Amino acid sequence: MNIRVLIADDQPIVRTGLTMLLDAQPGIEVVGAAADGREAVRMALQLRPDVGLFDIRMPLMDGIEATRRLAGPDVADPLPIVVITTFDLDEYVHGALKAGARGFLLKDAGPALLTQAIHAAADGNALIAPSVTVRLLAAFAHTRTSAPRPPIEPLTAREEEVLVPVALGRTNNEIASELYITTSTVKAHLASLMRKLGARNRVEVAMWAHETGRV
């Protein structure tokens, strides 16, 4: 089954370029392209794509607000959204992650990283551009005014070991290689971490690790 993607960008040439790039990738199909955030929300509710690829700066409604409406904390069935922008600004990344985005990329990321981010989002994982991952998560942690919630159960020693590389932006395969365990074991520990921390995805797990000083 192809991953069905909805693109949102206010520049026609960018929408066309992203559509051509993604349609050329095996296992990915672009099912719609919106010119602003309001249209993106409408099309997402109508088309029910598997992943949204949203620009941040758009008219009528920006990508962060569109993400919040489709993937925010109060959304029962959140749409996995990857935010893509030309602007490497902390406040944009913070806003996107708080709104529920599962990925954050710069537009110069290249087709390989873009495709990887879409597959990660569809699989329930998250990918943030390597150039900004640790710095931005750490900065986000320092802007919080309230203490992070404690886990509902104590973390095991192995979960603590998995937590750190997750916070550093490692993939499941990289974590498995570093810890000499299988990828399925990493996924099992990550699922347990999300349950104990009340996190919806690995980005929120990574945020919690930074907030609690584990990285």
N, C-alpha and C. Protein backbone atom coordinates (compact mmCIF):
# COMPACT_ATOMS: atom_id res chain seq x y z
N MET A 1 0.84 -1.20 0.00
CA MET A 1 0.00 0.00 0.00
C MET A 1 0.87 1.25 0.00
N ASN A 2 0.52 2.19 -0.88
CA ASN A 2 1.25 3.45 -0.92
C ASN A 2 0.92 4.33 0.28
N ILE A 3 1.89 5.14 0.71
CA ILE A 3 1.65 6.17 1.72
C ILE A 3 1.03 7.36 0.99
N ARG A 4 -0.19 7.74 1.38
CA ARG A 4 -0.92 8.81 0.72
C ARG A 4 -0.57 10.13 1.40
N VAL A 5 -0.04 11.08 0.63
CA VAL A 5 0.50 12.32 1.18
C VAL A 5 -0.30 13.52 0.69
N LEU A 6 -0.59 14.44 1.62
CA LEU A 6 -1.19 15.73 1.29
C LEU A 6 -0.13 16.81 1.48
N ILE A 7 0.11 17.61 0.44
CA ILE A 7 1.08 18.70 0.48
C ILE A 7 0.36 20.02 0.70
N ALA A 8 0.96 20.91 1.48
CA ALA A 8 0.42 22.26 1.66
C ALA A 8 1.56 23.26 1.56
N ASP A 9 1.51 24.11 0.55
CA ASP A 9 2.53 25.16 0.35
C ASP A 9 1.91 26.24 -0.51
N ASP A 10 2.18 27.49 -0.19
CA ASP A 10 1.54 28.58 -0.92
C ASP A 10 2.22 28.89 -2.25
N GLN A 11 3.36 28.30 -2.53
CA GLN A 11 4.07 28.57 -3.79
C GLN A 11 3.78 27.44 -4.79
N PRO A 12 3.14 27.78 -5.92
CA PRO A 12 2.79 26.74 -6.91
C PRO A 12 3.98 25.93 -7.37
N ILE A 13 5.13 26.57 -7.57
CA ILE A 13 6.29 25.84 -8.07
C ILE A 13 6.80 24.84 -7.04
N VAL A 14 6.67 25.18 -5.74
CA VAL A 14 7.08 24.25 -4.68
C VAL A 14 6.12 23.07 -4.61
N ARG A 15 4.81 23.36 -4.70
CA ARG A 15 3.83 22.28 -4.69
C ARG A 15 4.07 21.31 -5.85
N THR A 16 4.32 21.88 -7.02
CA THR A 16 4.57 21.04 -8.20
C THR A 16 5.85 20.22 -8.03
N GLY A 17 6.89 20.88 -7.54
CA GLY A 17 8.17 20.19 -7.36
C GLY A 17 8.08 19.07 -6.35
N LEU A 18 7.44 19.33 -5.21
CA LEU A 18 7.29 18.30 -4.18
C LEU A 18 6.44 17.15 -4.68
N THR A 19 5.39 17.48 -5.42
CA THR A 19 4.52 16.43 -5.96
C THR A 19 5.29 15.53 -6.92
N MET A 20 6.05 16.12 -7.81
CA MET A 20 6.83 15.33 -8.76
C MET A 20 7.89 14.49 -8.05
N LEU A 21 8.54 15.10 -7.06
CA LEU A 21 9.60 14.39 -6.32
C LEU A 21 9.03 13.19 -5.58
N LEU A 22 7.91 13.40 -4.87
CA LEU A 22 7.36 12.32 -4.04
C LEU A 22 6.69 11.25 -4.88
N ASP A 23 6.00 11.66 -5.94
CA ASP A 23 5.36 10.66 -6.81
C ASP A 23 6.38 9.75 -7.48
N ALA A 24 7.62 10.23 -7.58
CA ALA A 24 8.68 9.42 -8.18
C ALA A 24 9.27 8.40 -7.21
N GLN A 25 8.90 8.53 -5.92
CA GLN A 25 9.44 7.61 -4.91
C GLN A 25 8.54 6.38 -4.79
N PRO A 26 9.11 5.20 -4.74
CA PRO A 26 8.28 3.99 -4.59
C PRO A 26 7.55 4.00 -3.24
N GLY A 27 6.28 3.64 -3.28
CA GLY A 27 5.51 3.52 -2.04
C GLY A 27 4.91 4.82 -1.55
N ILE A 28 5.01 5.91 -2.33
CA ILE A 28 4.46 7.19 -1.92
C ILE A 28 3.57 7.74 -3.04
N GLU A 29 2.41 8.26 -2.68
CA GLU A 29 1.48 8.83 -3.65
C GLU A 29 0.94 10.15 -3.11
N VAL A 30 1.09 11.22 -3.86
CA VAL A 30 0.52 12.52 -3.47
C VAL A 30 -0.94 12.55 -3.88
N VAL A 31 -1.83 12.73 -2.91
CA VAL A 31 -3.27 12.69 -3.19
C VAL A 31 -3.90 14.08 -3.23
N GLY A 32 -3.14 15.11 -2.86
CA GLY A 32 -3.68 16.45 -2.89
C GLY A 32 -2.62 17.47 -2.59
N ALA A 33 -2.87 18.73 -3.03
CA ALA A 33 -1.93 19.82 -2.78
C ALA A 33 -2.73 21.09 -2.48
N ALA A 34 -2.54 21.63 -1.28
CA ALA A 34 -3.28 22.81 -0.84
C ALA A 34 -2.39 24.04 -0.91
N ALA A 35 -3.02 25.21 -1.17
CA ALA A 35 -2.28 26.46 -1.31
C ALA A 35 -2.21 27.26 -0.01
N ASP A 36 -2.94 26.83 1.02
CA ASP A 36 -2.88 27.52 2.31
C ASP A 36 -3.34 26.55 3.40
N GLY A 37 -3.16 26.97 4.66
CA GLY A 37 -3.47 26.09 5.77
C GLY A 37 -4.94 25.75 5.89
N ARG A 38 -5.80 26.71 5.61
CA ARG A 38 -7.24 26.46 5.70
C ARG A 38 -7.67 25.39 4.70
N GLU A 39 -7.14 25.49 3.47
CA GLU A 39 -7.45 24.49 2.46
C GLU A 39 -6.85 23.14 2.84
N ALA A 40 -5.68 23.16 3.48
CA ALA A 40 -5.04 21.91 3.90
C ALA A 40 -5.90 21.17 4.91
N VAL A 41 -6.47 21.91 5.87
CA VAL A 41 -7.34 21.27 6.87
C VAL A 41 -8.56 20.68 6.19
N ARG A 42 -9.19 21.44 5.30
CA ARG A 42 -10.37 20.94 4.60
C ARG A 42 -10.05 19.69 3.78
N MET A 43 -8.95 19.74 3.04
CA MET A 43 -8.59 18.60 2.20
C MET A 43 -8.20 17.38 3.03
N ALA A 44 -7.55 17.63 4.17
CA ALA A 44 -7.16 16.52 5.03
C ALA A 44 -8.38 15.79 5.58
N LEU A 45 -9.38 16.55 5.99
CA LEU A 45 -10.60 15.93 6.53
C LEU A 45 -11.38 15.21 5.43
N GLN A 46 -11.26 15.70 4.21
CA GLN A 46 -11.98 15.09 3.09
C GLN A 46 -11.25 13.86 2.54
N LEU A 47 -9.93 13.98 2.36
CA LEU A 47 -9.16 12.93 1.69
C LEU A 47 -8.61 11.88 2.65
N ARG A 48 -8.47 12.23 3.93
CA ARG A 48 -7.90 11.34 4.94
C ARG A 48 -6.56 10.76 4.49
N PRO A 49 -5.56 11.59 4.21
CA PRO A 49 -4.24 11.08 3.80
C PRO A 49 -3.55 10.39 4.96
N ASP A 50 -2.46 9.70 4.65
CA ASP A 50 -1.68 9.02 5.69
C ASP A 50 -0.70 9.99 6.36
N VAL A 51 -0.21 10.96 5.60
CA VAL A 51 0.78 11.92 6.10
C VAL A 51 0.52 13.28 5.46
N GLY A 52 0.70 14.34 6.25
CA GLY A 52 0.66 15.70 5.71
C GLY A 52 2.06 16.27 5.65
N LEU A 53 2.37 16.99 4.58
CA LEU A 53 3.66 17.67 4.42
C LEU A 53 3.35 19.16 4.28
N PHE A 54 3.51 19.92 5.38
CA PHE A 54 3.02 21.29 5.44
C PHE A 54 4.15 22.30 5.55
N ASP A 55 4.05 23.35 4.75
CA ASP A 55 4.92 24.51 4.92
C ASP A 55 4.44 25.28 6.15
N ILE A 56 5.29 26.11 6.72
CA ILE A 56 4.89 26.89 7.89
C ILE A 56 4.23 28.21 7.49
N ARG A 57 4.89 28.99 6.66
CA ARG A 57 4.39 30.32 6.32
C ARG A 57 3.45 30.25 5.12
N MET A 58 2.14 30.30 5.40
CA MET A 58 1.11 30.26 4.37
C MET A 58 0.03 31.27 4.71
N PRO A 59 -0.70 31.77 3.70
CA PRO A 59 -1.78 32.72 3.97
C PRO A 59 -3.01 32.04 4.57
N LEU A 60 -3.90 32.88 5.09
CA LEU A 60 -5.19 32.47 5.68
C LEU A 60 -5.01 31.67 6.97
N MET A 61 -4.18 30.65 6.94
CA MET A 61 -3.85 29.86 8.13
C MET A 61 -2.47 29.28 7.94
N ASP A 62 -1.57 29.49 8.91
CA ASP A 62 -0.21 28.99 8.73
C ASP A 62 -0.14 27.49 9.01
N GLY A 63 1.00 26.91 8.71
CA GLY A 63 1.16 25.47 8.85
C GLY A 63 1.10 24.99 10.28
N ILE A 64 1.51 25.84 11.22
CA ILE A 64 1.46 25.44 12.63
C ILE A 64 0.02 25.33 13.11
N GLU A 65 -0.81 26.30 12.76
CA GLU A 65 -2.22 26.24 13.16
C GLU A 65 -2.93 25.08 12.46
N ALA A 66 -2.61 24.85 11.19
CA ALA A 66 -3.20 23.71 10.49
C ALA A 66 -2.79 22.40 11.15
N THR A 67 -1.54 22.33 11.56
CA THR A 67 -1.05 21.13 12.27
C THR A 67 -1.78 20.95 13.58
N ARG A 68 -1.96 22.04 14.32
CA ARG A 68 -2.66 21.97 15.60
C ARG A 68 -4.08 21.44 15.43
N ARG A 69 -4.76 21.89 14.38
CA ARG A 69 -6.15 21.46 14.16
C ARG A 69 -6.26 20.00 13.73
N LEU A 70 -5.20 19.50 13.09
CA LEU A 70 -5.25 18.13 12.59
C LEU A 70 -4.48 17.13 13.44
N ALA A 71 -3.58 17.63 14.30
CA ALA A 71 -2.73 16.71 15.07
C ALA A 71 -2.49 17.17 16.50
N GLY A 72 -3.21 18.17 16.95
CA GLY A 72 -3.00 18.71 18.28
C GLY A 72 -3.41 17.77 19.40
N PRO A 73 -3.12 18.15 20.63
CA PRO A 73 -3.39 17.28 21.78
C PRO A 73 -4.86 16.88 21.94
N ASP A 74 -5.78 17.70 21.43
CA ASP A 74 -7.20 17.41 21.59
C ASP A 74 -7.80 16.65 20.41
N VAL A 75 -6.98 16.31 19.43
CA VAL A 75 -7.48 15.61 18.23
C VAL A 75 -7.51 14.11 18.50
N ALA A 76 -8.67 13.50 18.32
CA ALA A 76 -8.83 12.08 18.65
C ALA A 76 -8.04 11.18 17.70
N ASP A 77 -8.03 11.51 16.43
CA ASP A 77 -7.33 10.70 15.43
C ASP A 77 -6.35 11.59 14.68
N PRO A 78 -5.20 11.90 15.29
CA PRO A 78 -4.30 12.89 14.70
C PRO A 78 -3.66 12.43 13.40
N LEU A 79 -3.52 13.38 12.48
CA LEU A 79 -2.85 13.11 11.21
C LEU A 79 -1.34 13.28 11.40
N PRO A 80 -0.53 12.31 11.03
CA PRO A 80 0.92 12.49 11.09
C PRO A 80 1.35 13.60 10.13
N ILE A 81 1.99 14.63 10.65
CA ILE A 81 2.36 15.78 9.83
C ILE A 81 3.86 16.04 9.94
N VAL A 82 4.48 16.24 8.79
CA VAL A 82 5.87 16.68 8.72
C VAL A 82 5.85 18.14 8.28
N VAL A 83 6.47 19.00 9.06
CA VAL A 83 6.55 20.42 8.71
C VAL A 83 7.84 20.66 7.96
N ILE A 84 7.75 21.39 6.85
CA ILE A 84 8.92 21.66 6.03
C ILE A 84 8.97 23.16 5.76
N THR A 85 10.15 23.75 5.93
CA THR A 85 10.26 25.20 5.81
C THR A 85 11.66 25.60 5.35
N THR A 86 11.77 26.82 4.86
CA THR A 86 13.08 27.36 4.50
C THR A 86 13.73 28.06 5.68
N PHE A 87 12.98 28.19 6.79
CA PHE A 87 13.44 29.01 7.91
C PHE A 87 13.86 28.14 9.09
N ASP A 88 15.14 28.18 9.41
CA ASP A 88 15.69 27.42 10.53
C ASP A 88 15.61 28.28 11.80
N LEU A 89 14.38 28.49 12.27
CA LEU A 89 14.15 29.35 13.42
C LEU A 89 13.59 28.54 14.58
N ASP A 90 14.14 28.74 15.76
CA ASP A 90 13.72 27.97 16.92
C ASP A 90 12.22 28.05 17.17
N GLU A 91 11.66 29.28 17.08
CA GLU A 91 10.25 29.42 17.44
C GLU A 91 9.35 28.64 16.49
N TYR A 92 9.77 28.48 15.22
CA TYR A 92 8.98 27.70 14.29
C TYR A 92 8.99 26.23 14.68
N VAL A 93 10.15 25.72 15.03
CA VAL A 93 10.24 24.31 15.41
C VAL A 93 9.48 24.07 16.70
N HIS A 94 9.65 24.94 17.68
CA HIS A 94 8.92 24.78 18.94
C HIS A 94 7.41 24.76 18.68
N GLY A 95 6.96 25.72 17.86
CA GLY A 95 5.52 25.79 17.57
C GLY A 95 5.03 24.55 16.86
N ALA A 96 5.80 24.05 15.91
CA ALA A 96 5.40 22.87 15.15
C ALA A 96 5.33 21.64 16.06
N LEU A 97 6.32 21.46 16.92
CA LEU A 97 6.33 20.29 17.80
C LEU A 97 5.22 20.36 18.82
N LYS A 98 4.99 21.54 19.39
CA LYS A 98 3.90 21.69 20.35
C LYS A 98 2.54 21.47 19.69
N ALA A 99 2.45 21.81 18.41
CA ALA A 99 1.19 21.63 17.69
C ALA A 99 0.93 20.17 17.33
N GLY A 100 1.95 19.32 17.45
CA GLY A 100 1.76 17.89 17.20
C GLY A 100 2.48 17.35 15.99
N ALA A 101 3.35 18.14 15.37
CA ALA A 101 4.08 17.66 14.19
C ALA A 101 4.98 16.48 14.54
N ARG A 102 5.10 15.54 13.62
CA ARG A 102 5.97 14.38 13.82
C ARG A 102 7.31 14.52 13.13
N GLY A 103 7.51 15.61 12.45
CA GLY A 103 8.78 15.81 11.78
C GLY A 103 8.97 17.27 11.45
N PHE A 104 10.23 17.66 11.30
CA PHE A 104 10.56 19.03 10.94
C PHE A 104 11.77 18.99 10.04
N LEU A 105 11.61 19.49 8.81
CA LEU A 105 12.70 19.48 7.85
C LEU A 105 12.85 20.84 7.19
N LEU A 106 14.06 21.15 6.77
CA LEU A 106 14.29 22.32 5.95
C LEU A 106 14.12 21.91 4.49
N LYS A 107 13.74 22.87 3.65
CA LYS A 107 13.44 22.55 2.25
C LYS A 107 14.67 22.12 1.46
N ASP A 108 15.85 22.35 2.02
CA ASP A 108 17.06 21.89 1.33
C ASP A 108 17.50 20.51 1.82
N ALA A 109 16.59 19.80 2.50
CA ALA A 109 16.94 18.50 3.09
C ALA A 109 17.29 17.47 2.02
N GLY A 110 16.69 17.57 0.85
CA GLY A 110 16.96 16.58 -0.20
C GLY A 110 15.92 15.48 -0.21
N PRO A 111 15.75 14.80 -1.34
CA PRO A 111 14.71 13.79 -1.47
C PRO A 111 14.86 12.61 -0.53
N ALA A 112 16.08 12.20 -0.24
CA ALA A 112 16.28 11.02 0.61
C ALA A 112 15.75 11.27 2.02
N LEU A 113 16.12 12.41 2.61
CA LEU A 113 15.68 12.72 3.97
C LEU A 113 14.19 13.00 4.01
N LEU A 114 13.68 13.65 2.97
CA LEU A 114 12.25 13.94 2.90
C LEU A 114 11.45 12.64 2.84
N THR A 115 11.89 11.72 2.01
CA THR A 115 11.21 10.43 1.91
C THR A 115 11.29 9.67 3.23
N GLN A 116 12.46 9.73 3.88
CA GLN A 116 12.63 9.06 5.17
C GLN A 116 11.69 9.64 6.21
N ALA A 117 11.51 10.96 6.21
CA ALA A 117 10.63 11.61 7.18
C ALA A 117 9.18 11.20 6.97
N ILE A 118 8.76 11.07 5.73
CA ILE A 118 7.39 10.67 5.43
C ILE A 118 7.15 9.23 5.86
N HIS A 119 8.09 8.35 5.57
CA HIS A 119 7.96 6.96 6.01
C HIS A 119 7.95 6.87 7.54
N ALA A 120 8.80 7.67 8.19
CA ALA A 120 8.85 7.66 9.66
C ALA A 120 7.52 8.10 10.24
N ALA A 121 6.95 9.18 9.70
CA ALA A 121 5.67 9.68 10.19
C ALA A 121 4.57 8.65 10.00
N ALA A 122 4.55 8.00 8.83
CA ALA A 122 3.54 7.00 8.55
C ALA A 122 3.66 5.80 9.49
N ASP A 123 4.89 5.51 9.93
CA ASP A 123 5.12 4.38 10.83
C ASP A 123 4.93 4.74 12.31
N GLY A 124 4.54 5.99 12.56
CA GLY A 124 4.34 6.41 13.95
C GLY A 124 5.59 6.93 14.61
N ASN A 125 6.65 7.11 13.84
CA ASN A 125 7.89 7.65 14.37
C ASN A 125 8.01 9.13 14.02
N ALA A 126 9.16 9.71 14.25
CA ALA A 126 9.35 11.12 13.95
C ALA A 126 10.78 11.35 13.49
N LEU A 127 10.94 12.32 12.63
CA LEU A 127 12.27 12.68 12.16
C LEU A 127 12.38 14.19 12.12
N ILE A 128 13.41 14.69 12.76
CA ILE A 128 13.71 16.12 12.72
C ILE A 128 15.05 16.27 12.04
N ALA A 129 15.19 17.31 11.22
CA ALA A 129 16.43 17.52 10.50
C ALA A 129 17.62 17.39 11.44
N PRO A 130 18.60 16.54 11.10
CA PRO A 130 19.75 16.32 12.00
C PRO A 130 20.45 17.61 12.41
N SER A 131 20.43 18.62 11.54
CA SER A 131 21.14 19.86 11.84
C SER A 131 20.49 20.64 12.99
N VAL A 132 19.25 20.30 13.32
CA VAL A 132 18.56 21.08 14.36
C VAL A 132 18.07 20.25 15.54
N THR A 133 18.16 18.93 15.45
CA THR A 133 17.51 18.07 16.43
C THR A 133 17.87 18.39 17.88
N VAL A 134 19.11 18.17 18.25
CA VAL A 134 19.49 18.28 19.67
C VAL A 134 19.39 19.73 20.15
N ARG A 135 19.88 20.66 19.36
CA ARG A 135 19.86 22.07 19.78
C ARG A 135 18.44 22.54 20.03
N LEU A 136 17.52 22.19 19.15
CA LEU A 136 16.17 22.70 19.27
C LEU A 136 15.38 22.01 20.37
N LEU A 137 15.56 20.71 20.52
CA LEU A 137 14.88 20.03 21.61
C LEU A 137 15.37 20.54 22.97
N ALA A 138 16.67 20.76 23.06
CA ALA A 138 17.23 21.29 24.31
C ALA A 138 16.69 22.70 24.58
N ALA A 139 16.65 23.52 23.54
CA ALA A 139 16.12 24.87 23.70
C ALA A 139 14.66 24.84 24.08
N PHE A 140 13.90 23.93 23.47
CA PHE A 140 12.48 23.80 23.79
C PHE A 140 12.30 23.44 25.27
N ALA A 141 13.13 22.53 25.76
CA ALA A 141 13.03 22.12 27.16
C ALA A 141 13.27 23.30 28.09
N HIS A 142 14.19 24.18 27.73
CA HIS A 142 14.53 25.31 28.59
C HIS A 142 13.46 26.40 28.59
N THR A 143 12.55 26.37 27.60
CA THR A 143 11.51 27.38 27.55
C THR A 143 10.27 26.98 28.35
N ARG A 144 10.21 25.76 28.81
CA ARG A 144 9.03 25.31 29.56
C ARG A 144 8.97 26.00 30.92
N THR A 145 7.76 26.34 31.31
CA THR A 145 7.56 27.00 32.60
C THR A 145 7.06 26.04 33.67
N SER A 146 6.63 24.85 33.27
CA SER A 146 6.15 23.87 34.24
C SER A 146 7.05 22.65 34.22
N ALA A 147 7.07 21.93 35.33
CA ALA A 147 7.91 20.74 35.42
C ALA A 147 7.31 19.61 34.58
N PRO A 148 8.16 18.78 33.96
CA PRO A 148 7.64 17.66 33.17
C PRO A 148 6.92 16.66 34.06
N ARG A 149 5.92 16.01 33.48
CA ARG A 149 5.16 15.03 34.25
C ARG A 149 6.01 13.80 34.55
N PRO A 150 5.93 13.26 35.76
CA PRO A 150 6.67 12.03 36.04
C PRO A 150 6.01 10.86 35.33
N PRO A 151 6.79 9.80 35.05
CA PRO A 151 6.19 8.63 34.39
C PRO A 151 5.19 7.94 35.31
N ILE A 152 4.20 7.29 34.71
CA ILE A 152 3.18 6.62 35.52
C ILE A 152 3.76 5.38 36.20
N GLU A 153 4.86 4.86 35.66
CA GLU A 153 5.60 3.77 36.28
C GLU A 153 7.09 4.08 36.12
N PRO A 154 7.94 3.63 37.05
CA PRO A 154 9.38 3.87 36.90
C PRO A 154 9.91 3.25 35.61
N LEU A 155 10.87 3.93 34.98
CA LEU A 155 11.49 3.40 33.78
C LEU A 155 12.49 2.31 34.15
N THR A 156 12.57 1.28 33.33
CA THR A 156 13.55 0.23 33.55
C THR A 156 14.92 0.73 33.09
N ALA A 157 15.95 0.01 33.46
CA ALA A 157 17.30 0.39 33.06
C ALA A 157 17.44 0.37 31.54
N ARG A 158 16.85 -0.61 30.89
CA ARG A 158 16.94 -0.69 29.43
C ARG A 158 16.15 0.43 28.77
N GLU A 159 15.02 0.79 29.35
CA GLU A 159 14.25 1.92 28.80
C GLU A 159 15.05 3.22 28.91
N GLU A 160 15.77 3.38 30.00
CA GLU A 160 16.63 4.56 30.15
C GLU A 160 17.73 4.57 29.08
N GLU A 161 18.25 3.37 28.78
CA GLU A 161 19.29 3.27 27.74
C GLU A 161 18.74 3.63 26.37
N VAL A 162 17.50 3.22 26.09
CA VAL A 162 16.88 3.52 24.80
C VAL A 162 16.49 5.00 24.72
N LEU A 163 16.11 5.57 25.85
CA LEU A 163 15.63 6.95 25.89
C LEU A 163 16.66 7.95 25.38
N VAL A 164 17.91 7.77 25.77
CA VAL A 164 18.95 8.76 25.41
C VAL A 164 19.17 8.84 23.90
N PRO A 165 19.41 7.72 23.20
CA PRO A 165 19.59 7.84 21.75
C PRO A 165 18.34 8.32 21.03
N VAL A 166 17.15 8.01 21.55
CA VAL A 166 15.93 8.56 20.97
C VAL A 166 15.98 10.09 21.04
N ALA A 167 16.40 10.61 22.19
CA ALA A 167 16.48 12.06 22.38
C ALA A 167 17.55 12.70 21.50
N LEU A 168 18.53 11.89 21.08
CA LEU A 168 19.60 12.40 20.22
C LEU A 168 19.26 12.28 18.73
N GLY A 169 18.04 11.81 18.45
CA GLY A 169 17.59 11.74 17.07
C GLY A 169 17.97 10.48 16.34
N ARG A 170 18.41 9.44 17.05
CA ARG A 170 18.79 8.19 16.40
C ARG A 170 17.55 7.46 15.88
N THR A 171 17.72 6.71 14.80
CA THR A 171 16.65 5.87 14.29
C THR A 171 16.60 4.57 15.08
N ASN A 172 15.53 3.81 14.90
CA ASN A 172 15.41 2.51 15.59
C ASN A 172 16.55 1.58 15.21
N ASN A 173 16.92 1.58 13.94
CA ASN A 173 18.01 0.70 13.50
C ASN A 173 19.33 1.12 14.14
N GLU A 174 19.58 2.42 14.23
CA GLU A 174 20.81 2.90 14.85
C GLU A 174 20.85 2.56 16.34
N ILE A 175 19.71 2.69 17.01
CA ILE A 175 19.65 2.36 18.44
C ILE A 175 19.89 0.87 18.64
N ALA A 176 19.29 0.05 17.79
CA ALA A 176 19.47 -1.40 17.90
C ALA A 176 20.95 -1.76 17.74
N SER A 177 21.63 -1.11 16.78
CA SER A 177 23.04 -1.38 16.55
C SER A 177 23.89 -0.94 17.73
N GLU A 178 23.58 0.22 18.30
CA GLU A 178 24.36 0.75 19.42
C GLU A 178 24.20 -0.11 20.67
N LEU A 179 23.00 -0.61 20.90
CA LEU A 179 22.72 -1.35 22.15
C LEU A 179 22.79 -2.86 21.97
N TYR A 180 23.09 -3.30 20.74
CA TYR A 180 23.20 -4.74 20.45
C TYR A 180 21.90 -5.48 20.77
N ILE A 181 20.78 -4.88 20.33
CA ILE A 181 19.48 -5.51 20.48
C ILE A 181 18.78 -5.45 19.12
N THR A 182 17.66 -6.12 18.99
CA THR A 182 16.95 -6.13 17.71
C THR A 182 16.10 -4.87 17.58
N THR A 183 15.75 -4.56 16.33
CA THR A 183 14.89 -3.40 16.07
C THR A 183 13.52 -3.58 16.72
N SER A 184 13.00 -4.79 16.70
CA SER A 184 11.70 -5.05 17.33
C SER A 184 11.76 -4.81 18.84
N THR A 185 12.91 -5.12 19.44
CA THR A 185 13.07 -4.86 20.88
C THR A 185 13.09 -3.36 21.14
N VAL A 186 13.75 -2.60 20.27
CA VAL A 186 13.75 -1.14 20.40
C VAL A 186 12.33 -0.61 20.33
N LYS A 187 11.56 -1.11 19.36
CA LYS A 187 10.17 -0.65 19.20
C LYS A 187 9.34 -0.98 20.44
N ALA A 188 9.59 -2.15 21.03
CA ALA A 188 8.85 -2.54 22.23
C ALA A 188 9.18 -1.61 23.40
N HIS A 189 10.47 -1.29 23.57
CA HIS A 189 10.86 -0.37 24.65
C HIS A 189 10.30 1.03 24.39
N LEU A 190 10.30 1.45 23.13
CA LEU A 190 9.78 2.77 22.79
C LEU A 190 8.28 2.84 23.07
N ALA A 191 7.56 1.78 22.74
CA ALA A 191 6.12 1.74 23.03
C ALA A 191 5.87 1.82 24.53
N SER A 192 6.70 1.14 25.31
CA SER A 192 6.57 1.19 26.76
C SER A 192 6.88 2.59 27.29
N LEU A 193 7.91 3.23 26.72
CA LEU A 193 8.25 4.59 27.12
C LEU A 193 7.10 5.55 26.84
N MET A 194 6.51 5.44 25.66
CA MET A 194 5.40 6.33 25.32
C MET A 194 4.23 6.13 26.27
N ARG A 195 3.95 4.87 26.63
CA ARG A 195 2.85 4.60 27.55
C ARG A 195 3.14 5.19 28.92
N LYS A 196 4.34 4.97 29.43
CA LYS A 196 4.68 5.45 30.78
C LYS A 196 4.76 6.97 30.86
N LEU A 197 5.18 7.60 29.74
CA LEU A 197 5.36 9.05 29.75
C LEU A 197 4.14 9.80 29.24
N GLY A 198 3.14 9.06 28.77
CA GLY A 198 1.96 9.72 28.20
C GLY A 198 2.30 10.47 26.93
N ALA A 199 3.29 9.96 26.17
CA ALA A 199 3.74 10.61 24.94
C ALA A 199 3.06 9.96 23.74
N ARG A 200 2.72 10.77 22.75
CA ARG A 200 2.05 10.26 21.57
C ARG A 200 3.02 9.79 20.49
N ASN A 201 4.26 10.24 20.56
CA ASN A 201 5.24 9.85 19.54
C ASN A 201 6.63 10.05 20.10
N ARG A 202 7.66 9.70 19.32
CA ARG A 202 9.02 9.74 19.82
C ARG A 202 9.54 11.17 19.99
N VAL A 203 8.95 12.14 19.29
CA VAL A 203 9.35 13.52 19.52
C VAL A 203 9.03 13.93 20.95
N GLU A 204 7.84 13.56 21.43
CA GLU A 204 7.46 13.90 22.80
C GLU A 204 8.31 13.13 23.81
N VAL A 205 8.70 11.90 23.46
CA VAL A 205 9.63 11.16 24.32
C VAL A 205 10.96 11.90 24.40
N ALA A 206 11.45 12.36 23.25
CA ALA A 206 12.72 13.10 23.21
C ALA A 206 12.62 14.40 24.01
N MET A 207 11.51 15.10 23.89
CA MET A 207 11.30 16.33 24.66
C MET A 207 11.39 16.04 26.15
N TRP A 208 10.74 14.96 26.58
CA TRP A 208 10.74 14.62 28.01
C TRP A 208 12.16 14.33 28.49
N ALA A 209 12.94 13.65 27.66
CA ALA A 209 14.32 13.35 28.04
C ALA A 209 15.12 14.63 28.23
N HIS A 210 14.94 15.60 27.35
CA HIS A 210 15.64 16.87 27.48
C HIS A 210 15.14 17.65 28.69
N GLU A 211 13.83 17.64 28.90
CA GLU A 211 13.24 18.39 30.02
C GLU A 211 13.73 17.86 31.35
N THR A 212 14.00 16.57 31.43
CA THR A 212 14.41 15.96 32.70
C THR A 212 15.92 15.85 32.82
N GLY A 213 16.66 16.46 31.89
CA GLY A 213 18.12 16.51 31.99
C GLY A 213 18.82 15.21 31.68
N ARG A 214 18.17 14.31 30.95
CA ARG A 214 18.83 13.04 30.63
C ARG A 214 19.78 13.17 29.45
N VAL A 215 19.72 14.28 28.74
CA VAL A 215 20.61 14.52 27.60
C VAL A 215 21.31 15.84 27.82
